[in-house]
Amino acid sequence: MIKRFALAFMGAIFILSVYSINQSHATFFSDSFDNPTYTNANWTVASPTWDFVTLSGSDIGYRGTISVGYPGAVSFANNSQYYYQNDLVVETYVRLETPVDASDIDTAAGLVFISGSLADLDYREYSVLLSIDDDSGAPVGGLSVYNYSSDGSVDEVRGATWANIIFDTFYRLRMERDSQGDIDVYLYDNSTLLASLTGIDLLASFDSGMVGLGTDRSATFNDFSIAANPVPEPTSIFLLGSGLIGLVGIGRKKFFKK
């Protein structure tokens, strides 16, 4: 009876440890944008400069004051640190600001990933963008994944879908890459899933690169994070080891008893 209880207990520890491993993430870098000093010290700004603004309530965001017609701006996380791209999870809140020119409302913002050398103009880029376009005079929201070449032209739209979004509202944008390099993208309004694009493959291999935020007009970002897919925590490893050792120990006792 005691042996049966011990076996059940060790099995429970093993199951708990596996569940804990599956629920754990390693966060490499994060920024809530509530500390301008921290942000300015940890982000590499390509152009133009980013400005902190106070939004409604107590929210403090990261806004790029970009003139209408500017080709775009990108800021790279963790001082342009390169990250291994497969099994990567990147998430942020993004808010598209109402354009200054009401006659030209096309705008987009989101996550930007670059591999290669910017200095030598030998790089590839893909972007996960939240956008609002002027479709026959009516604003239309969308979620898309683009590939870019080193000269800045769009190689190909790898995925796109409609999304019910509006200006001046925060949405959560999440990108996941699996071990094969395929991309899954999710767009949320609070906890409600608005749109998704899954199983997207890129035009070329993208093993490592810089992770950043970009916009072609004006956008505000909050709660940015770069994390790995689930990895064991020390406590999870201890639980897993304890469970396995216990099971092996009981098995050995039964073996030698025979």
Protein backbone atom coordinates (compact mmCIF):
# COMPACT_ATOMS: atom_id res chain seq x y z
CA MET A 1 0.00 0.00 0.00
CA ILE A 2 2.80 2.40 0.94
CA LYS A 3 4.68 1.58 -2.25
CA ARG A 4 1.57 2.26 -4.32
CA PHE A 5 1.10 5.61 -2.60
CA ALA A 6 4.78 6.48 -3.14
CA LEU A 7 4.52 5.54 -6.82
CA ALA A 8 1.40 7.70 -7.25
CA PHE A 9 3.06 10.60 -5.43
CA MET A 10 6.20 10.46 -7.56
CA GLY A 11 4.08 10.21 -10.68
CA ALA A 12 2.19 13.34 -9.62
CA ILE A 13 5.47 15.19 -9.12
CA PHE A 14 6.57 14.11 -12.61
CA ILE A 15 3.32 15.32 -14.20
CA LEU A 16 3.48 18.60 -12.24
CA SER A 17 7.05 19.21 -13.36
CA VAL A 18 6.18 18.60 -17.01
CA TYR A 19 3.25 21.02 -16.73
CA SER A 20 5.49 23.59 -15.06
CA ILE A 21 8.05 23.27 -17.84
CA ASN A 22 5.38 23.81 -20.47
CA GLN A 23 4.13 26.93 -18.70
CA SER A 24 7.52 28.60 -18.12
CA HIS A 25 9.08 31.23 -20.37
CA ALA A 26 12.54 32.77 -20.33
CA THR A 27 12.24 36.52 -20.86
CA PHE A 28 15.35 37.98 -22.52
CA PHE A 29 14.27 41.62 -22.56
CA SER A 30 11.21 43.67 -21.63
CA ASP A 31 10.17 47.30 -21.36
CA SER A 32 6.93 48.74 -20.00
CA PHE A 33 7.95 52.22 -21.23
CA ASP A 34 7.22 53.81 -17.86
CA ASN A 35 10.87 54.80 -17.32
CA PRO A 36 12.30 57.09 -20.03
CA THR A 37 15.85 56.68 -18.70
CA TYR A 38 15.69 52.89 -18.99
CA THR A 39 14.18 53.02 -22.47
CA ASN A 40 16.66 55.56 -23.79
CA ALA A 41 19.54 53.45 -22.46
CA ASN A 42 18.29 50.17 -23.91
CA TRP A 43 16.90 50.98 -27.34
CA THR A 44 18.82 51.84 -30.49
CA VAL A 45 16.92 54.41 -32.50
CA ALA A 46 17.43 54.37 -36.25
CA SER A 47 15.44 57.50 -37.11
CA PRO A 48 13.78 59.72 -36.14
CA THR A 49 13.87 60.12 -32.36
CA TRP A 50 11.14 58.67 -30.18
CA ASP A 51 9.29 60.82 -27.67
CA PHE A 52 7.49 59.90 -24.47
CA VAL A 53 3.95 61.16 -24.18
CA THR A 54 1.29 60.99 -21.49
CA LEU A 55 -1.86 59.34 -22.75
CA SER A 56 -5.29 59.15 -21.17
CA GLY A 57 -5.21 58.26 -17.50
CA SER A 58 -1.77 57.36 -16.19
CA ASP A 59 -0.52 55.50 -19.28
CA ILE A 60 2.92 56.49 -20.46
CA GLY A 61 3.72 55.36 -23.98
CA TYR A 62 6.46 55.43 -26.54
CA ARG A 63 5.48 57.55 -29.53
CA GLY A 64 7.37 58.24 -32.72
CA THR A 65 6.64 61.78 -33.89
CA ILE A 66 6.98 61.11 -37.60
CA SER A 67 5.93 63.66 -40.21
CA VAL A 68 3.38 62.65 -42.82
CA GLY A 69 5.11 61.08 -45.79
CA TYR A 70 8.20 59.95 -43.86
CA PRO A 71 9.20 56.48 -45.07
CA GLY A 72 9.30 55.02 -41.58
CA ALA A 73 11.15 54.66 -38.29
CA VAL A 74 12.50 51.66 -36.39
CA SER A 75 13.90 51.32 -32.87
CA PHE A 76 15.79 48.13 -31.95
CA ALA A 77 15.40 46.46 -28.56
CA ASN A 78 18.19 45.84 -26.08
CA ASN A 79 20.68 48.00 -28.00
CA SER A 80 20.35 46.00 -31.23
CA GLN A 81 21.12 42.68 -29.55
CA TYR A 82 20.85 39.72 -31.94
CA TYR A 83 18.50 36.91 -30.93
CA TYR A 84 18.18 33.37 -32.16
CA GLN A 85 14.89 33.62 -34.01
CA ASN A 86 13.44 30.11 -33.87
CA ASP A 87 11.35 29.35 -30.79
CA LEU A 88 11.04 33.08 -30.10
CA VAL A 89 8.00 34.89 -28.69
CA VAL A 90 7.73 38.68 -29.10
CA GLU A 91 4.81 40.71 -27.82
CA THR A 92 3.80 44.34 -27.51
CA TYR A 93 0.81 46.64 -27.20
CA VAL A 94 0.48 49.01 -30.13
CA ARG A 95 -1.78 51.98 -30.72
CA LEU A 96 -2.09 53.65 -34.13
CA GLU A 97 -2.37 57.41 -33.71
CA THR A 98 -4.81 59.39 -35.86
CA PRO A 99 -2.81 60.84 -38.79
CA VAL A 100 -2.31 64.59 -38.97
CA ASP A 101 -3.51 64.62 -42.58
CA ALA A 102 -7.10 63.37 -42.57
CA SER A 103 -6.98 62.92 -46.35
CA ASP A 104 -4.22 60.30 -46.07
CA ILE A 105 -4.95 57.91 -43.23
CA ASP A 106 -2.92 54.91 -44.39
CA THR A 107 -0.71 53.93 -41.46
CA ALA A 108 0.94 50.83 -40.01
CA ALA A 109 3.03 49.88 -36.99
CA GLY A 110 4.27 46.75 -35.28
CA LEU A 111 7.18 44.35 -34.84
CA VAL A 112 10.27 44.48 -37.04
CA PHE A 113 12.97 41.81 -37.44
CA ILE A 114 16.22 42.40 -39.34
CA SER A 115 19.01 39.94 -40.18
CA GLY A 116 22.34 40.93 -41.73
CA SER A 117 24.33 44.14 -41.88
CA LEU A 118 22.54 47.48 -41.96
CA ALA A 119 25.84 49.28 -42.47
CA ASP A 120 26.64 47.26 -45.60
CA LEU A 121 23.03 47.39 -46.80
CA ASP A 122 23.09 43.62 -46.93
CA TYR A 123 20.15 42.50 -44.84
CA ARG A 124 16.68 41.04 -44.92
CA GLU A 125 13.68 42.18 -42.93
CA TYR A 126 10.26 40.91 -42.04
CA SER A 127 7.57 42.89 -40.29
CA VAL A 128 4.41 41.97 -38.40
CA LEU A 129 2.12 44.96 -38.79
CA LEU A 130 -1.14 46.29 -37.51
CA SER A 131 -2.54 48.70 -40.11
CA ILE A 132 -5.43 50.94 -41.08
CA ASP A 133 -5.84 51.78 -44.76
CA ASP A 134 -8.12 54.08 -46.68
CA ASP A 135 -10.22 51.72 -48.78
CA SER A 136 -12.49 53.82 -51.03
CA GLY A 137 -12.80 56.49 -48.36
CA ALA A 138 -13.54 54.08 -45.50
CA PRO A 139 -10.90 53.06 -42.89
CA VAL A 140 -10.18 49.33 -43.02
CA GLY A 141 -8.04 47.55 -40.41
CA GLY A 142 -5.69 44.70 -41.09
CA LEU A 143 -2.98 42.37 -39.78
CA SER A 144 -0.13 41.40 -42.10
CA VAL A 145 3.36 39.88 -42.40
CA TYR A 146 5.77 41.37 -44.97
CA ASN A 147 9.23 40.47 -46.27
CA TYR A 148 11.54 43.29 -47.32
CA SER A 149 14.79 43.36 -49.28
CA SER A 150 17.84 45.44 -48.39
CA ASP A 151 16.75 48.30 -50.65
CA GLY A 152 13.55 48.71 -48.65
CA SER A 153 11.15 47.37 -51.28
CA VAL A 154 8.51 44.81 -50.35
CA ASP A 155 9.50 41.39 -51.64
CA GLU A 156 6.21 39.76 -50.81
CA VAL A 157 3.23 39.87 -48.50
CA ARG A 158 3.46 36.54 -46.70
CA GLY A 159 0.10 36.79 -44.97
CA ALA A 160 -2.74 39.25 -44.46
CA THR A 161 -6.20 39.32 -42.94
CA TRP A 162 -8.85 41.88 -41.99
CA ALA A 163 -9.12 43.05 -38.38
CA ASN A 164 -11.71 45.30 -36.73
CA ILE A 165 -9.41 47.98 -35.33
CA ILE A 166 -9.60 51.75 -34.91
CA PHE A 167 -7.20 54.63 -34.24
CA ASP A 168 -6.13 55.69 -30.74
CA THR A 169 -6.80 52.27 -29.19
CA PHE A 170 -4.27 49.79 -27.79
CA TYR A 171 -4.16 46.26 -29.22
CA ARG A 172 -1.93 43.37 -28.17
CA LEU A 173 0.26 42.00 -30.96
CA ARG A 174 2.01 38.65 -30.45
CA MET A 175 4.41 36.80 -32.73
CA GLU A 176 5.64 33.23 -32.20
CA ARG A 177 8.24 31.33 -34.24
CA ASP A 178 8.56 27.56 -34.03
CA SER A 179 11.67 25.41 -34.44
CA GLN A 180 11.10 25.23 -38.21
CA GLY A 181 11.01 29.03 -38.48
CA ASP A 182 7.30 29.33 -39.30
CA ILE A 183 5.47 32.33 -37.86
CA ASP A 184 2.21 32.51 -35.93
CA VAL A 185 0.74 35.97 -35.34
CA TYR A 186 -2.12 36.91 -33.00
CA LEU A 187 -3.95 40.22 -32.51
CA TYR A 188 -6.00 40.81 -29.36
CA ASP A 189 -8.35 43.49 -28.06
CA ASN A 190 -7.74 42.98 -24.35
CA SER A 191 -8.25 39.21 -24.08
CA THR A 192 -10.43 38.86 -27.20
CA LEU A 193 -8.73 37.39 -30.25
CA LEU A 194 -9.45 39.67 -33.22
CA ALA A 195 -7.32 38.08 -35.94
CA SER A 196 -4.56 35.54 -36.49
CA LEU A 197 -2.15 34.33 -39.16
CA THR A 198 -0.57 30.93 -38.58
CA GLY A 199 1.98 28.69 -40.28
CA ILE A 200 3.57 31.53 -42.27
CA ASP A 201 6.93 30.72 -43.85
CA LEU A 202 9.43 33.43 -44.81
CA LEU A 203 11.06 33.85 -48.21
CA ALA A 204 14.56 33.18 -46.92
CA SER A 205 16.29 31.65 -43.92
CA PHE A 206 16.17 33.90 -40.86
CA ASP A 207 18.13 32.24 -38.08
CA SER A 208 19.06 35.29 -36.01
CA GLY A 209 18.58 39.02 -36.03
CA MET A 210 17.60 42.22 -34.26
CA VAL A 211 14.10 42.74 -32.88
CA GLY A 212 12.47 46.15 -32.94
CA LEU A 213 9.39 48.32 -33.16
CA GLY A 214 8.51 50.28 -36.27
CA THR A 215 5.92 52.67 -37.63
CA ASP A 216 5.45 54.63 -40.84
CA ARG A 217 3.50 57.48 -39.26
CA SER A 218 2.85 57.79 -35.54
CA ALA A 219 2.25 54.97 -33.07
CA THR A 220 2.48 54.31 -29.34
CA PHE A 221 3.89 51.10 -27.84
CA ASN A 222 3.53 49.62 -24.36
CA ASP A 223 4.61 46.43 -22.54
CA PHE A 224 7.14 45.05 -25.00
CA SER A 225 8.84 41.70 -24.36
CA ILE A 226 11.16 39.20 -26.04
CA ALA A 227 10.98 35.67 -24.68
CA ALA A 228 11.81 32.09 -25.59
CA ASN A 229 9.30 29.34 -25.98
CA PRO A 230 8.76 27.35 -22.76
CA VAL A 231 11.95 26.23 -21.00
CA PRO A 232 12.46 24.48 -17.65
CA GLU A 233 12.74 26.59 -14.52
CA PRO A 234 15.15 25.44 -11.77
CA THR A 235 12.21 24.34 -9.61
CA SER A 236 10.74 22.46 -12.55
CA ILE A 237 14.02 20.65 -13.13
CA PHE A 238 14.19 19.75 -9.43
CA LEU A 239 10.64 18.42 -9.46
CA LEU A 240 11.30 16.49 -12.65
CA GLY A 241 14.49 15.03 -11.22
CA SER A 242 12.78 14.13 -7.95
CA GLY A 243 9.97 12.40 -9.79
CA LEU A 244 12.27 10.44 -12.04
CA ILE A 245 14.61 9.45 -9.20
CA GLY A 246 11.65 8.31 -7.13
CA LEU A 247 10.20 6.26 -9.96
CA VAL A 248 13.58 4.72 -10.76
CA GLY A 249 14.17 3.96 -7.08
CA ILE A 250 10.85 2.15 -6.73
CA GLY A 251 11.50 0.29 -9.98
CA ARG A 252 14.89 -0.87 -8.74
CA LYS A 253 13.42 -2.11 -5.46
CA LYS A 254 10.87 -4.18 -7.36
CA PHE A 255 13.59 -5.46 -9.69
CA PHE A 256 15.90 -6.60 -6.91
CA LYS A 257 12.98 -8.05 -4.97
CA LYS A 258 12.32 -10.34 -7.89
